[in-house]
């Protein structure tokens, strides 16, 4: 198997597990836009090589070695994303595909140099934790915007990079890292929210609300 293909699978297995808690062939097929049959065959091969364990009805789990490789490629991806934004001034919705190409061609020496130039960062442009060179990943304590109730406020700390459309839509509403948000009303019919973003009121769809995370959550009187 090509190393790049292995890295992509391991990275996406890790990300789905991080976001949803359980990885299935269906969720991986949807994420990679590959047929379920092709994914099942790849999972079988990855299991044979010791990268994953696949248990019926429990899904796919990374082995210790699989997790180590996943974190290494995720580290390089997120460092490149930050480099593209901070140094080359890309927008946050333009960087995923560029970082995807660059991550597979990055030597350990180049990785260390990028890390140094960026000042040894802990977060990428979307608020995701950057694994350390030793393979440690900071625990995230974010609350989904969709889980907040009226009267609760917080600071935007992460926005899902699942698709450029999500990031473009969020930015258009002023929802970027560091934005202060307060939930004013929940529309029970469709789960959308009326929120104040840095004091400016607008409606946020239920779909976007599931992809925006906040920290420093508190209820205001």
Protein backbone atom coordinates (compact mmCIF):
# COMPACT_ATOMS: atom_id res chain seq x y z
CA UNK A 1 0.00 0.00 0.00
CA UNK A 2 1.14 3.50 -0.76
CA UNK A 3 2.29 5.37 2.33
CA UNK A 4 0.17 8.41 1.41
CA UNK A 5 -2.99 6.31 1.24
CA UNK A 6 -2.27 4.75 4.63
CA UNK A 7 -1.67 8.17 6.17
CA UNK A 8 -4.94 9.53 4.80
CA UNK A 9 -6.93 6.64 6.22
CA UNK A 10 -5.29 6.80 9.63
CA UNK A 11 -5.73 10.57 9.80
CA UNK A 12 -9.41 10.40 8.97
CA UNK A 13 -10.07 7.51 11.33
CA UNK A 14 -8.54 9.59 14.10
CA UNK A 15 -10.56 12.69 13.18
CA UNK A 16 -13.87 10.84 13.05
CA UNK A 17 -13.13 9.22 16.40
CA UNK A 18 -12.26 12.66 17.81
CA UNK A 19 -15.47 14.23 16.50
CA UNK A 20 -18.02 11.42 16.75
CA UNK A 21 -16.54 8.89 19.16
CA UNK A 22 -17.12 5.85 16.94
CA UNK A 23 -15.71 5.07 13.52
CA UNK A 24 -17.65 2.85 11.11
CA UNK A 25 -17.01 1.89 7.52
CA UNK A 26 -20.06 4.01 6.62
CA UNK A 27 -18.75 7.15 8.37
CA UNK A 28 -15.31 6.64 6.82
CA UNK A 29 -16.83 6.07 3.39
CA UNK A 30 -18.79 9.30 3.73
CA UNK A 31 -15.75 11.28 4.89
CA UNK A 32 -13.45 10.00 2.15
CA UNK A 33 -16.11 9.90 -0.58
CA UNK A 34 -15.12 6.30 -1.37
CA UNK A 35 -17.40 3.28 -1.71
CA UNK A 36 -18.08 1.28 1.46
CA UNK A 37 -16.71 -1.84 -0.25
CA UNK A 38 -13.38 -0.12 -0.96
CA UNK A 39 -13.20 1.17 2.61
CA UNK A 40 -13.90 -2.30 4.03
CA UNK A 41 -11.10 -3.78 1.94
CA UNK A 42 -8.66 -1.09 3.08
CA UNK A 43 -9.65 -1.56 6.72
CA UNK A 44 -8.94 -5.28 6.36
CA UNK A 45 -5.46 -4.52 5.02
CA UNK A 46 -4.76 -1.93 7.70
CA UNK A 47 -5.78 -4.46 10.36
CA UNK A 48 -3.42 -7.05 8.85
CA UNK A 49 -0.56 -4.55 9.06
CA UNK A 50 -1.34 -3.73 12.70
CA UNK A 51 -2.59 -0.16 12.20
CA UNK A 52 -6.21 -0.72 13.27
CA UNK A 53 -8.55 -3.15 15.01
CA UNK A 54 -11.96 -3.77 13.52
CA UNK A 55 -14.58 -5.29 15.81
CA UNK A 56 -18.07 -6.04 14.46
CA UNK A 57 -20.70 -3.64 15.90
CA UNK A 58 -17.96 -1.65 17.67
CA UNK A 59 -16.31 -0.11 14.64
CA UNK A 60 -12.69 0.69 13.80
CA UNK A 61 -10.08 1.64 16.39
CA UNK A 62 -6.48 2.69 15.92
CA UNK A 63 -3.77 0.56 17.48
CA UNK A 64 -0.98 2.24 19.44
CA UNK A 65 1.17 2.27 16.30
CA UNK A 66 -1.75 3.45 14.14
CA UNK A 67 -2.48 6.32 16.51
CA UNK A 68 1.19 7.32 16.54
CA UNK A 69 1.26 7.54 12.74
CA UNK A 70 -2.07 9.37 12.63
CA UNK A 71 -0.88 12.02 15.08
CA UNK A 72 2.34 12.54 13.14
CA UNK A 73 0.52 13.29 9.89
CA UNK A 74 -2.12 15.40 11.67
CA UNK A 75 0.67 17.43 13.26
CA UNK A 76 2.21 18.16 9.86
CA UNK A 77 -1.18 18.97 8.33
CA UNK A 78 -2.09 21.46 11.06
CA UNK A 79 1.35 23.07 11.08
CA UNK A 80 1.10 23.60 7.32
CA UNK A 81 -2.40 25.06 7.69
CA UNK A 82 -1.11 27.59 10.20
CA UNK A 83 1.91 28.39 8.03
CA UNK A 84 -0.36 29.02 5.02
CA UNK A 85 -2.55 31.41 7.04
CA UNK A 86 0.10 33.18 9.11
CA UNK A 87 2.94 33.42 6.59
CA UNK A 88 1.32 33.15 3.15
CA UNK A 89 -1.95 34.89 4.15
CA UNK A 90 -4.38 32.27 2.88
CA UNK A 91 -7.98 32.39 4.13
CA UNK A 92 -8.93 29.62 6.57
CA UNK A 93 -11.26 28.00 4.03
CA UNK A 94 -8.50 27.69 1.37
CA UNK A 95 -5.88 25.70 3.23
CA UNK A 96 -7.06 22.11 3.67
CA UNK A 97 -6.24 20.84 0.17
CA UNK A 98 -2.89 22.66 0.10
CA UNK A 99 -1.91 21.21 3.49
CA UNK A 100 -3.12 17.79 2.32
CA UNK A 101 -0.54 17.81 -0.47
CA UNK A 102 2.27 19.26 1.60
CA UNK A 103 1.91 17.00 4.64
CA UNK A 104 3.02 13.90 2.73
CA UNK A 105 6.21 15.54 1.43
CA UNK A 106 7.41 16.97 4.73
CA UNK A 107 10.64 15.73 6.27
CA UNK A 108 11.22 15.76 10.01
CA UNK A 109 13.75 18.58 9.60
CA UNK A 110 11.27 20.73 7.63
CA UNK A 111 8.56 20.01 10.19
CA UNK A 112 10.85 21.22 12.99
CA UNK A 113 11.74 24.38 11.04
CA UNK A 114 8.09 25.27 10.38
CA UNK A 115 7.29 24.68 14.06
CA UNK A 116 10.17 26.98 15.09
CA UNK A 117 9.22 29.77 12.66
CA UNK A 118 5.62 29.70 13.88
CA UNK A 119 6.72 29.95 17.51
CA UNK A 120 5.86 26.38 18.54
CA UNK A 121 2.08 26.81 18.22
CA UNK A 122 -0.51 24.68 20.03
CA UNK A 123 -3.53 25.38 17.78
CA UNK A 124 -4.21 25.47 14.04
CA UNK A 125 -6.24 28.26 12.33
CA UNK A 126 -9.52 26.45 13.07
CA UNK A 127 -8.76 25.97 16.77
CA UNK A 128 -7.80 22.29 16.62
CA UNK A 129 -4.95 21.19 18.87
CA UNK A 130 -1.63 20.53 17.13
CA UNK A 131 -0.04 17.28 18.36
CA UNK A 132 3.43 17.69 19.82
CA UNK A 133 6.48 16.15 18.18
CA UNK A 134 6.34 13.50 20.92
CA UNK A 135 2.79 12.55 19.92
CA UNK A 136 0.87 14.22 22.75
CA UNK A 137 -2.43 15.94 22.04
CA UNK A 138 -3.95 18.52 24.37
CA UNK A 139 -7.40 17.64 25.67
CA UNK A 140 -10.08 19.80 24.11
CA UNK A 141 -12.73 21.31 26.37
CA UNK A 142 -15.05 22.85 23.82
CA UNK A 143 -18.85 22.93 23.94
CA UNK A 144 -20.85 22.74 20.69
CA UNK A 145 -22.80 25.92 20.02
CA UNK A 146 -25.80 23.67 19.31
CA UNK A 147 -25.75 22.53 22.96
CA UNK A 148 -26.07 26.02 24.45
CA UNK A 149 -29.36 27.30 25.79
CA UNK A 150 -30.73 30.87 25.69
CA UNK A 151 -28.85 33.18 28.04
CA UNK A 152 -25.56 31.30 27.76
CA UNK A 153 -22.50 32.94 26.23
CA UNK A 154 -18.99 31.85 25.30
CA UNK A 155 -15.95 32.51 23.13
CA UNK A 156 -15.56 30.71 19.79
CA UNK A 157 -12.61 28.35 20.28
CA UNK A 158 -12.93 25.94 17.36
CA UNK A 159 -14.76 25.69 14.02
CA UNK A 160 -14.94 22.37 12.19
CA UNK A 161 -12.80 22.22 9.05
CA UNK A 162 -14.94 19.43 7.59
CA UNK A 163 -15.74 21.56 4.53
CA UNK A 164 -14.73 24.96 3.09
CA UNK A 165 -18.42 25.88 2.84
CA UNK A 166 -18.83 25.65 6.63
CA UNK A 167 -15.82 27.91 7.15
CA UNK A 168 -16.95 30.44 4.53
CA UNK A 169 -20.45 30.60 5.99
CA UNK A 170 -19.13 31.00 9.54
CA UNK A 171 -16.73 33.79 8.52
CA UNK A 172 -19.53 35.57 6.65
CA UNK A 173 -21.50 35.68 9.92
CA UNK A 174 -18.46 36.94 11.83
CA UNK A 175 -17.98 33.60 13.57
CA UNK A 176 -14.20 33.26 13.83
CA UNK A 177 -11.85 32.22 16.62
CA UNK A 178 -12.17 34.62 19.53
CA UNK A 179 -15.66 35.87 18.64
CA UNK A 180 -17.96 36.35 21.61
CA UNK A 181 -21.33 34.65 21.19
CA UNK A 182 -24.50 34.72 23.24
CA UNK A 183 -27.53 32.56 22.53
CA UNK A 184 -30.69 34.66 22.53
CA UNK A 185 -33.27 32.15 21.33
CA UNK A 186 -33.58 28.56 20.14
CA UNK A 187 -36.10 27.90 17.38
CA UNK A 188 -37.58 24.53 18.31
CA UNK A 189 -38.99 23.92 14.81
CA UNK A 190 -35.60 23.47 13.13
CA UNK A 191 -33.02 23.84 15.92
CA UNK A 192 -31.64 27.12 14.56
CA UNK A 193 -30.42 29.75 16.99
CA UNK A 194 -30.76 33.48 17.28
CA UNK A 195 -27.40 34.61 18.56
CA UNK A 196 -25.39 37.74 19.18
CA UNK A 197 -21.94 37.58 17.57
CA UNK A 198 -19.79 40.31 19.08
CA UNK A 199 -23.04 42.11 19.86
CA UNK A 200 -24.56 41.72 16.40
CA UNK A 201 -27.70 39.57 16.26
CA UNK A 202 -28.34 36.99 13.54
CA UNK A 203 -29.67 33.50 12.98
CA UNK A 204 -27.39 30.46 12.85
CA UNK A 205 -28.61 27.24 11.22
CA UNK A 206 -28.65 24.03 13.25
CA UNK A 207 -26.06 22.56 10.87
CA UNK A 208 -23.57 25.36 11.45
CA UNK A 209 -24.28 25.32 15.20
CA UNK A 210 -23.12 21.69 15.31
CA UNK A 211 -19.77 22.68 13.77
CA UNK A 212 -18.97 25.68 15.99
CA UNK A 213 -17.48 25.15 19.44
CA UNK A 214 -17.11 27.59 22.29
CA UNK A 215 -15.07 27.85 25.46
CA UNK A 216 -15.36 29.97 28.62
CA UNK A 217 -19.07 29.19 28.70
CA UNK A 218 -21.17 31.01 31.28
CA UNK A 219 -24.78 31.98 31.89
CA UNK A 220 -25.46 35.69 31.88
CA UNK A 221 -28.18 37.27 33.93
